[in-house]
PDB file of N, CA and C in Angstrom:
ATOM      1  N   MET A   1     131.474 107.880  97.559  1.00  0.00           N
ATOM      2  CA  MET A   1     131.375 108.645  98.803  1.00  0.00           C
ATOM      3  C   MET A   1     131.341 109.818  98.531  1.00  0.00           C
ATOM      4  N   THR A   2     130.622 111.217  98.775  1.00  0.00           N
ATOM      5  CA  THR A   2     130.308 112.492  98.415  1.00  0.00           C
ATOM      6  C   THR A   2     131.346 112.729  99.173  1.00  0.00           C
ATOM      7  N   PRO A   3     132.119 113.420  97.840  1.00  0.00           N
ATOM      8  CA  PRO A   3     133.381 114.624  99.234  1.00  0.00           C
ATOM      9  C   PRO A   3     132.585 115.531 100.021  1.00  0.00           C
ATOM     10  N   ARG A   4     133.578 115.530 100.699  1.00  0.00           N
ATOM     11  CA  ARG A   4     133.148 116.624 101.678  1.00  0.00           C
ATOM     12  C   ARG A   4     133.777 118.154 101.631  1.00  0.00           C
ATOM     13  N   ILE A   5     132.620 119.061 101.780  1.00  0.00           N
ATOM     14  CA  ILE A   5     132.962 120.635 101.058  1.00  0.00           C
ATOM     15  C   ILE A   5     132.327 121.309 102.233  1.00  0.00           C
ATOM     16  N   PRO A   6     133.200 122.302 102.504  1.00  0.00           N
ATOM     17  CA  PRO A   6     133.098 123.558 103.525  1.00  0.00           C
ATOM     18  C   PRO A   6     131.665 123.843 104.109  1.00  0.00           C
ATOM     19  N   ARG A   7     130.222 123.309 102.998  1.00  0.00           N
ATOM     20  CA  ARG A   7     128.997 124.202 103.180  1.00  0.00           C
ATOM     21  C   ARG A   7     128.457 122.839 104.098  1.00  0.00           C
ATOM     22  N   GLN A   8     129.067 121.750 103.593  1.00  0.00           N
ATOM     23  CA  GLN A   8     128.391 120.403 104.063  1.00  0.00           C
ATOM     24  C   GLN A   8     128.991 120.193 105.469  1.00  0.00           C
ATOM     25  N   GLU A   9     129.986 120.522 105.765  1.00  0.00           N
ATOM     26  CA  GLU A   9     130.504 120.217 107.134  1.00  0.00           C
ATOM     27  C   GLU A   9     130.010 121.217 107.925  1.00  0.00           C
ATOM     28  N   GLU A  10     129.821 122.769 107.242  1.00  0.00           N
ATOM     29  CA  GLU A  10     129.164 123.910 108.049  1.00  0.00           C
ATOM     30  C   GLU A  10     127.817 123.518 108.679  1.00  0.00           C
ATOM     31  N   PHE A  11     127.268 122.772 107.998  1.00  0.00           N
ATOM     32  CA  PHE A  11     125.996 122.238 108.106  1.00  0.00           C
ATOM     33  C   PHE A  11     125.890 121.281 109.489  1.00  0.00           C
ATOM     34  N   ILE A  12     126.206 120.450 109.241  1.00  0.00           N
ATOM     35  CA  ILE A  12     126.697 119.399 109.992  1.00  0.00           C
ATOM     36  C   ILE A  12     127.331 119.499 111.477  1.00  0.00           C
ATOM     37  N   ASN A  13     127.939 120.776 111.649  1.00  0.00           N
ATOM     38  CA  ASN A  13     128.206 120.974 113.141  1.00  0.00           C
ATOM     39  C   ASN A  13     127.509 121.887 113.171  1.00  0.00           C
ATOM     40  N   SER A  14     126.365 122.725 112.299  1.00  0.00           N
ATOM     41  CA  SER A  14     125.738 123.823 113.120  1.00  0.00           C
ATOM     42  C   SER A  14     124.568 123.298 113.570  1.00  0.00           C
ATOM     43  N   ARG A  15     123.830 121.445 113.476  1.00  0.00           N
ATOM     44  CA  ARG A  15     122.836 121.262 114.128  1.00  0.00           C
ATOM     45  C   ARG A  15     122.823 121.057 114.932  1.00  0.00           C
ATOM     46  N   SER A  16     121.300 121.934 115.533  1.00  0.00           N
ATOM     47  CA  SER A  16     121.396 121.446 116.856  1.00  0.00           C
ATOM     48  C   SER A  16     120.585 120.264 117.392  1.00  0.00           C
ATOM     49  N   ALA A  17     120.406 119.816 118.933  1.00  0.00           N
ATOM     50  CA  ALA A  17     119.757 118.725 119.238  1.00  0.00           C
ATOM     51  C   ALA A  17     118.543 118.221 118.584  1.00  0.00           C
ATOM     52  N   ASP A  18     117.893 119.273 118.080  1.00  0.00           N
ATOM     53  CA  ASP A  18     116.215 119.432 117.917  1.00  0.00           C
ATOM     54  C   ASP A  18     116.502 118.458 116.320  1.00  0.00           C
ATOM     55  N   ALA A  19     117.071 119.439 115.713  1.00  0.00           N
ATOM     56  CA  ALA A  19     116.969 119.263 114.155  1.00  0.00           C
ATOM     57  C   ALA A  19     117.674 118.142 114.319  1.00  0.00           C
ATOM     58  N   GLU A  20     118.484 117.095 114.739  1.00  0.00           N
ATOM     59  CA  GLU A  20     119.518 116.381 114.994  1.00  0.00           C
ATOM     60  C   GLU A  20     117.996 115.294 114.719  1.00  0.00           C
ATOM     61  N   ARG A  21     117.322 115.716 116.107  1.00  0.00           N
ATOM     62  CA  ARG A  21     116.419 114.565 116.736  1.00  0.00           C
ATOM     63  C   ARG A  21     115.333 114.313 115.062  1.00  0.00           C
ATOM     64  N   ILE A  22     114.864 115.741 114.598  1.00  0.00           N
ATOM     65  CA  ILE A  22     113.990 115.482 113.413  1.00  0.00           C
ATOM     66  C   ILE A  22     114.512 115.330 111.595  1.00  0.00           C
ATOM     67  N   LEU A  23     116.167 114.931 111.903  1.00  0.00           N
ATOM     68  CA  LEU A  23     116.343 114.333 110.965  1.00  0.00           C
ATOM     69  C   LEU A  23     116.472 113.172 110.543  1.00  0.00           C
ATOM     70  N   ASP A  24     116.931 112.299 112.311  1.00  0.00           N
ATOM     71  CA  ASP A  24     116.698 111.169 112.518  1.00  0.00           C
ATOM     72  C   ASP A  24     115.180 110.074 112.357  1.00  0.00           C
ATOM     73  N   GLN A  25     114.507 111.605 112.670  1.00  0.00           N
ATOM     74  CA  GLN A  25     112.835 110.416 112.906  1.00  0.00           C
ATOM     75  C   GLN A  25     112.592 110.688 110.860  1.00  0.00           C
ATOM     76  N   LEU A  26     112.804 111.599 109.667  1.00  0.00           N
ATOM     77  CA  LEU A  26     113.183 111.548 108.926  1.00  0.00           C
ATOM     78  C   LEU A  26     113.177 110.577 108.116  1.00  0.00           C
ATOM     79  N   ILE A  27     114.701 110.059 108.449  1.00  0.00           N
ATOM     80  CA  ILE A  27     115.870 109.048 107.745  1.00  0.00           C
ATOM     81  C   ILE A  27     114.415 107.487 107.988  1.00  0.00           C
ATOM     82  N   ILE A  28     114.167 107.376 109.141  1.00  0.00           N
ATOM     83  CA  ILE A  28     113.246 106.783 109.726  1.00  0.00           C
ATOM     84  C   ILE A  28     112.498 105.903 108.893  1.00  0.00           C
ATOM     85  N   LEU A  29     111.711 107.476 108.602  1.00  0.00           N
ATOM     86  CA  LEU A  29     110.543 107.265 108.032  1.00  0.00           C
ATOM     87  C   LEU A  29     111.096 106.666 106.654  1.00  0.00           C
ATOM     88  N   VAL A  30     111.726 107.572 105.697  1.00  0.00           N
ATOM     89  CA  VAL A  30     112.010 107.447 104.386  1.00  0.00           C
ATOM     90  C   VAL A  30     112.466 105.558 104.105  1.00  0.00           C
ATOM     91  N   PHE A  31     113.389 104.997 105.511  1.00  0.00           N
ATOM     92  CA  PHE A  31     113.691 103.753 105.323  1.00  0.00           C
ATOM     93  C   PHE A  31     112.433 103.059 105.626  1.00  0.00           C
ATOM     94  N   GLU A  32     111.380 102.829 106.387  1.00  0.00           N
ATOM     95  CA  GLU A  32     110.254 102.151 106.636  1.00  0.00           C
ATOM     96  C   GLU A  32     109.330 102.575 105.032  1.00  0.00           C
ATOM     97  N   MET A  33     109.442 103.542 104.658  1.00  0.00           N
ATOM     98  CA  MET A  33     108.455 102.999 103.301  1.00  0.00           C
ATOM     99  C   MET A  33     109.384 102.691 102.173  1.00  0.00           C
ATOM    100  N   ALA A  34     110.477 102.327 102.779  1.00  0.00           N
ATOM    101  CA  ALA A  34     111.298 102.026 101.098  1.00  0.00           C
ATOM    102  C   ALA A  34     111.433 100.356 101.657  1.00  0.00           C
ATOM    103  N   GLU A  35     111.373  99.631 102.593  1.00  0.00           N
ATOM    104  CA  GLU A  35     110.941  98.542 102.705  1.00  0.00           C
ATOM    105  C   GLU A  35     109.152  98.180 102.790  1.00  0.00           C
ATOM    106  N   ILE A  36     108.256  98.990 102.477  1.00  0.00           N
ATOM    107  CA  ILE A  36     107.121  98.685 101.826  1.00  0.00           C
ATOM    108  C   ILE A  36     107.389  98.624 100.635  1.00  0.00           C
ATOM    109  N   ALA A  37     107.796  99.918  99.828  1.00  0.00           N
ATOM    110  CA  ALA A  37     107.483 100.165  98.717  1.00  0.00           C
ATOM    111  C   ALA A  37     107.540  98.679  98.077  1.00  0.00           C
ATOM    112  N   PRO A  38     108.783  97.661  97.960  1.00  0.00           N
ATOM    113  CA  PRO A  38     109.160  96.194  96.884  1.00  0.00           C
ATOM    114  C   PRO A  38     107.658  96.178  96.055  1.00  0.00           C
ATOM    115  N   VAL A  39     106.571  95.976  97.810  1.00  0.00           N
ATOM    116  CA  VAL A  39     105.165  95.019  97.542  1.00  0.00           C
ATOM    117  C   VAL A  39     104.502  95.785  96.198  1.00  0.00           C
ATOM    118  N   LEU A  40     104.454  96.666  95.708  1.00  0.00           N
ATOM    119  CA  LEU A  40     104.251  97.587  95.103  1.00  0.00           C
ATOM    120  C   LEU A  40     104.247  97.294  93.333  1.00  0.00           C
ATOM    121  N   ILE A  41     105.404  97.514  93.742  1.00  0.00           N
ATOM    122  CA  ILE A  41     106.143  96.674  92.193  1.00  0.00           C
ATOM    123  C   ILE A  41     106.329  95.776  91.898  1.00  0.00           C
ATOM    124  N   ASP A  42     105.741  94.339  92.549  1.00  0.00           N
ATOM    125  CA  ASP A  42     105.928  92.995  92.611  1.00  0.00           C
ATOM    126  C   ASP A  42     104.661  92.730  92.000  1.00  0.00           C
ATOM    127  N   PRO A  43     104.706  91.769  90.626  1.00  0.00           N
ATOM    128  CA  PRO A  43     103.671  91.572  90.153  1.00  0.00           C
ATOM    129  C   PRO A  43     103.310  90.307  90.682  1.00  0.00           C
ATOM    130  N   ASP A  44     103.859  89.623  91.813  1.00  0.00           N
ATOM    131  CA  ASP A  44     103.650  88.816  91.765  1.00  0.00           C
ATOM    132  C   ASP A  44     102.589  88.149  93.341  1.00  0.00           C
ATOM    133  N   VAL A  45     102.675  89.840  93.657  1.00  0.00           N
ATOM    134  CA  VAL A  45     101.876  89.982  94.854  1.00  0.00           C
ATOM    135  C   VAL A  45     100.514  89.860  94.846  1.00  0.00           C
ATOM    136  N   ARG A  46      99.919  89.415  95.745  1.00  0.00           N
ATOM    137  CA  ARG A  46      98.136  89.553  96.219  1.00  0.00           C
ATOM    138  C   ARG A  46      97.481  91.053  96.288  1.00  0.00           C
ATOM    139  N   ASN A  47      96.702  91.054  95.530  1.00  0.00           N
ATOM    140  CA  ASN A  47      96.067  92.646  95.793  1.00  0.00           C
ATOM    141  C   ASN A  47      96.299  93.177  97.691  1.00  0.00           C
ATOM    142  N   GLU A  48      95.380  91.971  97.825  1.00  0.00           N
ATOM    143  CA  GLU A  48      95.532  91.989  99.723  1.00  0.00           C
ATOM    144  C   GLU A  48      96.694  92.802  99.994  1.00  0.00           C
ATOM    145  N   ASP A  49      97.534  92.422  99.798  1.00  0.00           N
ATOM    146  CA  ASP A  49      99.196  92.707  99.996  1.00  0.00           C
ATOM    147  C   ASP A  49      99.234  94.134  99.977  1.00  0.00           C
ATOM    148  N   VAL A  50      99.239  94.325  98.220  1.00  0.00           N
ATOM    149  CA  VAL A  50      99.418  95.789  97.859  1.00  0.00           C
ATOM    150  C   VAL A  50      98.697  97.004  98.857  1.00  0.00           C
ATOM    151  N   LEU A  51      97.328  96.293  98.935  1.00  0.00           N
ATOM    152  CA  LEU A  51      96.405  97.105  99.793  1.00  0.00           C
ATOM    153  C   LEU A  51      96.913  97.609 101.164  1.00  0.00           C
ATOM    154  N   ASP A  52      97.442  96.672 102.028  1.00  0.00           N
ATOM    155  CA  ASP A  52      97.944  96.508 103.311  1.00  0.00           C
ATOM    156  C   ASP A  52      99.079  97.495 103.121  1.00  0.00           C
ATOM    157  N   ALA A  53      99.589  97.411 102.001  1.00  0.00           N
ATOM    158  CA  ALA A  53     101.437  98.161 101.927  1.00  0.00           C
ATOM    159  C   ALA A  53     101.298  99.759 101.893  1.00  0.00           C
ATOM    160  N   CYS A  54      99.487 100.345 100.829  1.00  0.00           N
ATOM    161  CA  CYS A  54      99.696 101.466 100.964  1.00  0.00           C
ATOM    162  C   CYS A  54      98.523 102.039 101.730  1.00  0.00           C
ATOM    163  N   VAL A  55      97.850 101.054 103.413  1.00  0.00           N
ATOM    164  CA  VAL A  55      97.663 101.517 104.179  1.00  0.00           C
ATOM    165  C   VAL A  55      98.959 102.168 105.141  1.00  0.00           C
ATOM    166  N   SER A  56     100.045 100.789 105.276  1.00  0.00           N
ATOM    167  CA  SER A  56     100.924 100.899 105.900  1.00  0.00           C
ATOM    168  C   SER A  56     101.603 102.377 105.405  1.00  0.00           C
ATOM    169  N   ILE A  57     101.816 102.648 104.443  1.00  0.00           N
ATOM    170  CA  ILE A  57     102.410 103.924 103.980  1.00  0.00           C
ATOM    171  C   ILE A  57     101.639 105.260 104.203  1.00  0.00           C
ATOM    172  N   LEU A  58     100.192 105.073 104.131  1.00  0.00           N
ATOM    173  CA  LEU A  58      99.351 105.733 104.655  1.00  0.00           C
ATOM    174  C   LEU A  58      99.462 106.557 105.989  1.00  0.00           C
ATOM    175  N   GLU A  59     100.173 105.159 106.660  1.00  0.00           N
ATOM    176  CA  GLU A  59     100.090 105.373 108.278  1.00  0.00           C
ATOM    177  C   GLU A  59     101.330 105.976 108.664  1.00  0.00           C
ATOM    178  N   LEU A  60     102.694 106.079 107.406  1.00  0.00           N
ATOM    179  CA  LEU A  60     103.860 106.560 107.684  1.00  0.00           C
ATOM    180  C   LEU A  60     103.348 107.681 107.034  1.00  0.00           C
ATOM    181  N   ASN A  61     102.831 107.795 106.315  1.00  0.00           N
ATOM    182  CA  ASN A  61     102.799 109.339 105.490  1.00  0.00           C
ATOM    183  C   ASN A  61     101.803 110.408 106.641  1.00  0.00           C
ATOM    184  N   GLN A  62     100.765 110.125 107.108  1.00  0.00           N
ATOM    185  CA  GLN A  62     100.664 110.671 108.252  1.00  0.00           C
ATOM    186  C   GLN A  62     102.010 111.262 109.184  1.00  0.00           C
ATOM    187  N   GLN A  63     102.430 110.672 110.004  1.00  0.00           N
ATOM    188  CA  GLN A  63     103.902 111.038 110.470  1.00  0.00           C
ATOM    189  C   GLN A  63     104.517 112.258 109.647  1.00  0.00           C
ATOM    190  N   LEU A  64     104.510 112.392 108.454  1.00  0.00           N
ATOM    191  CA  LEU A  64     105.582 113.101 107.775  1.00  0.00           C
ATOM    192  C   LEU A  64     104.691 114.765 107.509  1.00  0.00           C
ATOM    193  N   MET A  65     103.688 114.502 107.846  1.00  0.00           N
ATOM    194  CA  MET A  65     102.560 115.699 107.835  1.00  0.00           C
ATOM    195  C   MET A  65     103.016 116.473 108.794  1.00  0.00           C
ATOM    196  N   ASN A  66     103.770 115.679 109.747  1.00  0.00           N
ATOM    197  CA  ASN A  66     104.027 116.691 111.176  1.00  0.00           C
ATOM    198  C   ASN A  66     105.071 117.558 110.529  1.00  0.00           C
ATOM    199  N   TYR A  67     106.128 117.457 109.437  1.00  0.00           N
ATOM    200  CA  TYR A  67     107.062 118.493 109.667  1.00  0.00           C
ATOM    201  C   TYR A  67     106.759 119.527 108.134  1.00  0.00           C
ATOM    202  N   ALA A  68     106.340 120.484 108.172  1.00  0.00           N
ATOM    203  CA  ALA A  68     105.897 121.728 107.987  1.00  0.00           C
ATOM    204  C   ALA A  68     106.764 122.047 106.462  1.00  0.00           C
ATOM    205  N   GLU A  69     108.040 121.450 106.408  1.00  0.00           N
ATOM    206  CA  GLU A  69     108.235 122.117 105.082  1.00  0.00           C
ATOM    207  C   GLU A  69     108.116 120.321 104.168  1.00  0.00           C
ATOM    208  N   HIS A  70     107.809 119.369 104.744  1.00  0.00           N
ATOM    209  CA  HIS A  70     107.181 117.908 103.757  1.00  0.00           C
ATOM    210  C   HIS A  70     105.632 117.909 103.350  1.00  0.00           C
ATOM    211  N   ARG A  71     104.906 119.077 104.256  1.00  0.00           N
ATOM    212  CA  ARG A  71     103.595 118.572 104.521  1.00  0.00           C
ATOM    213  C   ARG A  71     102.662 118.872 102.958  1.00  0.00           C
ATOM    214  N   GLU A  72     103.447 119.653 102.363  1.00  0.00           N
ATOM    215  CA  GLU A  72     102.559 119.891 100.585  1.00  0.00           C
ATOM    216  C   GLU A  72     102.564 118.658 100.116  1.00  0.00           C
ATOM    217  N   PHE A  73     104.028 117.866 100.209  1.00  0.00           N
ATOM    218  CA  PHE A  73     104.243 116.591  99.626  1.00  0.00           C
ATOM    219  C   PHE A  73     103.463 115.808 100.003  1.00  0.00           C
ATOM    220  N   ALA A  74     103.093 115.593 101.569  1.00  0.00           N
ATOM    221  CA  ALA A  74     102.594 114.481 102.165  1.00  0.00           C
ATOM    222  C   ALA A  74     101.396 114.935 101.844  1.00  0.00           C
ATOM    223  N   MET A  75     100.804 115.670 101.430  1.00  0.00           N
ATOM    224  CA  MET A  75      99.324 115.856 101.409  1.00  0.00           C
ATOM    225  C   MET A  75      98.857 115.551  99.903  1.00  0.00           C
ATOM    226  N   GLU A  76      99.807 115.531  98.474  1.00  0.00           N
ATOM    227  CA  GLU A  76      99.442 115.237  97.701  1.00  0.00           C
ATOM    228  C   GLU A  76     100.200 113.284  97.400  1.00  0.00           C
ATOM    229  N   PHE A  77     101.081 113.176  98.565  1.00  0.00           N
ATOM    230  CA  PHE A  77     100.872 111.666  98.511  1.00  0.00           C
ATOM    231  C   PHE A  77     100.061 111.032  99.318  1.00  0.00           C
ATOM    232  N   GLU A  78      99.314 111.824 100.173  1.00  0.00           N
ATOM    233  CA  GLU A  78      98.179 110.975 100.355  1.00  0.00           C
ATOM    234  C   GLU A  78      96.872 110.982  99.544  1.00  0.00           C
ATOM    235  N   GLN A  79      96.844 111.887  98.429  1.00  0.00           N
ATOM    236  CA  GLN A  79      95.576 111.715  97.954  1.00  0.00           C
ATOM    237  C   GLN A  79      95.948 110.387  96.756  1.00  0.00           C
ATOM    238  N   MET A  80      97.032 110.451  96.409  1.00  0.00           N
ATOM    239  CA  MET A  80      97.604 109.748  95.205  1.00  0.00           C
ATOM    240  C   MET A  80      97.452 107.645  96.034  1.00  0.00           C
ATOM    241  N   LEU A  81      98.051 107.886  97.367  1.00  0.00           N
ATOM    242  CA  LEU A  81      97.633 106.659  98.364  1.00  0.00           C
ATOM    243  C   LEU A  81      95.967 106.206  98.008  1.00  0.00           C
ATOM    244  N   ASN A  82      95.629 107.239  98.225  1.00  0.00           N
ATOM    245  CA  ASN A  82      93.902 107.118  98.775  1.00  0.00           C
ATOM    246  C   ASN A  82      92.994 106.661  97.378  1.00  0.00           C
ATOM    247  N   GLY A  83      93.684 107.337  96.006  1.00  0.00           N
ATOM    248  CA  GLY A  83      93.021 106.969  94.876  1.00  0.00           C
ATOM    249  C   GLY A  83      93.651 105.461  94.507  1.00  0.00           C
ATOM    250  N   MET A  84      95.028 104.341  94.986  1.00  0.00           N
ATOM    251  CA  MET A  84      95.442 103.067  94.934  1.00  0.00           C
ATOM    252  C   MET A  84      94.663 102.674  95.574  1.00  0.00           C
ATOM    253  N   VAL A  85      94.451 103.186  96.642  1.00  0.00           N
ATOM    254  CA  VAL A  85      93.662 102.051  98.055  1.00  0.00           C
ATOM    255  C   VAL A  85      92.072 102.126  97.398  1.00  0.00           C
ATOM    256  N   VAL A  86      91.170 102.965  96.950  1.00  0.00           N
ATOM    257  CA  VAL A  86      90.097 102.627  96.292  1.00  0.00           C
ATOM    258  C   VAL A  86      90.147 101.751  94.944  1.00  0.00           C
ATOM    259  N   MET A  87      91.150 101.818  94.462  1.00  0.00           N
ATOM    260  CA  MET A  87      91.039 101.190  92.671  1.00  0.00           C
ATOM    261  C   MET A  87      91.427  99.678  93.423  1.00  0.00           C
ATOM    262  N   ILE A  88      92.069  99.459  94.357  1.00  0.00           N
ATOM    263  CA  ILE A  88      92.983  98.141  94.640  1.00  0.00           C
ATOM    264  C   ILE A  88      91.542  97.512  95.807  1.00  0.00           C
ATOM    265  N   GLU A  89      91.025  98.348  96.271  1.00  0.00           N
ATOM    266  CA  GLU A  89      89.739  98.154  96.830  1.00  0.00           C
ATOM    267  C   GLU A  89      88.387  97.367  95.639  1.00  0.00           C
ATOM    268  N   GLY A  90      88.436  98.191  94.611  1.00  0.00           N
ATOM    269  CA  GLY A  90      88.151  97.959  93.564  1.00  0.00           C
ATOM    270  C   GLY A  90      88.085  96.506  93.096  1.00  0.00           C
ATOM    271  N   MET A  91      89.618  95.945  92.443  1.00  0.00           N
ATOM    272  CA  MET A  91      90.137  95.132  91.953  1.00  0.00           C
ATOM    273  C   MET A  91      89.543  94.484  93.016  1.00  0.00           C
ATOM    274  N   ILE A  92      89.956  94.094  94.381  1.00  0.00           N
ATOM    275  CA  ILE A  92      89.342  92.597  94.948  1.00  0.00           C
ATOM    276  C   ILE A  92      88.121  92.568  95.385  1.00  0.00           C
ATOM    277  N   ALA A  93      87.293  93.512  95.136  1.00  0.00           N
ATOM    278  CA  ALA A  93      86.102  93.275  95.463  1.00  0.00           C
ATOM    279  C   ALA A  93      85.618  92.616  93.986  1.00  0.00           C
ATOM    280  N   ALA A  94      86.460  93.130  93.053  1.00  0.00           N
ATOM    281  CA  ALA A  94      85.666  92.224  91.209  1.00  0.00           C
ATOM    282  C   ALA A  94      86.436  90.764  91.894  1.00  0.00           C
ATOM    283  N   GLU A  95      87.233  90.546  91.737  1.00  0.00           N
ATOM    284  CA  GLU A  95      88.013  88.867  92.281  1.00  0.00           C
ATOM    285  C   GLU A  95      86.882  88.770  93.089  1.00  0.00           C
ATOM    286  N   GLN A  96      86.671  88.450  94.091  1.00  0.00           N
ATOM    287  CA  GLN A  96      85.588  88.156  95.479  1.00  0.00           C
ATOM    288  C   GLN A  96      84.153  88.123  94.465  1.00  0.00           C
ATOM    289  N   GLY A  97      83.947  89.049  93.063  1.00  0.00           N
ATOM    290  CA  GLY A  97      83.105  88.316  92.659  1.00  0.00           C
ATOM    291  C   GLY A  97      82.887  87.684  91.866  1.00  0.00           C
ATOM    292  N   GLU A  98      84.236  88.041  91.419  1.00  0.00           N
ATOM    293  CA  GLU A  98      84.614  86.697  90.226  1.00  0.00           C
ATOM    294  C   GLU A  98      84.450  84.982  90.825  1.00  0.00           C
ATOM    295  N   ALA A  99      84.911  84.868  92.202  1.00  0.00           N
ATOM    296  CA  ALA A  99      85.049  83.892  92.373  1.00  0.00           C
ATOM    297  C   ALA A  99      83.899  83.417  92.937  1.00  0.00           C
ATOM    298  N   ARG A 100      82.806  84.011  93.476  1.00  0.00           N
ATOM    299  CA  ARG A 100      81.288  83.801  93.844  1.00  0.00           C
ATOM    300  C   ARG A 100      80.583  82.873  92.981  1.00  0.00           C
ATOM    301  N   ASN A 101      80.946  83.815  91.330  1.00  0.00           N
ATOM    302  CA  ASN A 101      79.559  83.766  90.205  1.00  0.00           C
ATOM    303  C   ASN A 101      80.599  82.220  89.616  1.00  0.00           C
ATOM    304  N   GLY A 102      82.219  82.069  90.054  1.00  0.00           N
ATOM    305  CA  GLY A 102      82.423  80.512  89.767  1.00  0.00           C
ATOM    306  C   GLY A 102      82.031  79.896  90.587  1.00  0.00           C
ATOM    307  N   GLU A 103      81.674  79.982  92.103  1.00  0.00           N
ATOM    308  CA  GLU A 103      81.253  78.835  93.016  1.00  0.00           C
ATOM    309  C   GLU A 103      80.354  78.648  92.212  1.00  0.00           C
ATOM    310  N   ASP A 104      79.414  79.730  91.868  1.00  0.00           N
ATOM    311  CA  ASP A 104      77.313  79.577  91.584  1.00  0.00           C
ATOM    312  C   ASP A 104      77.301  78.715  90.603  1.00  0.00           C
ATOM    313  N   GLY A 105      78.268  78.837  89.071  1.00  0.00           N
ATOM    314  CA  GLY A 105      78.283  78.080  87.747  1.00  0.00           C
ATOM    315  C   GLY A 105      78.622  77.276  88.115  1.00  0.00           C
ATOM    316  N   GLY A 106      79.405  76.410  89.614  1.00  0.00           N
ATOM    317  CA  GLY A 106      79.801  75.160  89.145  1.00  0.00           C
ATOM    318  C   GLY A 106      78.842  74.319  90.080  1.00  0.00           C
ATOM    319  N   ARG A 107      78.042  75.032  91.022  1.00  0.00           N
ATOM    320  CA  ARG A 107      76.923  74.238  91.891  1.00  0.00           C
ATOM    321  C   ARG A 107      75.768  73.923  90.695  1.00  0.00           C
ATOM    322  N   ALA A 108      75.803  74.891  89.673  1.00  0.00           N
ATOM    323  CA  ALA A 108      74.663  75.250  88.753  1.00  0.00           C
ATOM    324  C   ALA A 108      74.827  73.840  88.065  1.00  0.00           C
ATOM    325  N   ALA A 109      75.933  73.409  87.661  1.00  0.00           N
ATOM    326  CA  ALA A 109      76.524  72.562  86.571  1.00  0.00           C
ATOM    327  C   ALA A 109      75.975  71.439  87.077  1.00  0.00           C
ATOM    328  N   ASN A 110      76.330  71.087  88.274  1.00  0.00           N
ATOM    329  CA  ASN A 110      75.860  70.066  89.226  1.00  0.00           C
ATOM    330  C   ASN A 110      74.582  69.848  89.195  1.00  0.00           C
TER     331      ASN A 110
END
């Protein structure tokens, strides 16, 4: 547990209701992103599930852009996520192409 220091106490006691609401919203966003993130690092997850996770995080990231102090980070994060989406869509298309080629090859052998 983090020890309480006077500055922390001052910050905790001085937050307005509006600041409290904003902090609560940011905490919810972070937890929602954290729940989705494990999909991105699990090697056994299908590419379609990774794509869905990226799209979900992109949607949450849009909410983060509403906060001026986080907008720059959110914009850079969005660029990275968009790059991942393009890459994963390409991987899915390649998998589907390989599957079609495999089916066509099987028919040709018959």
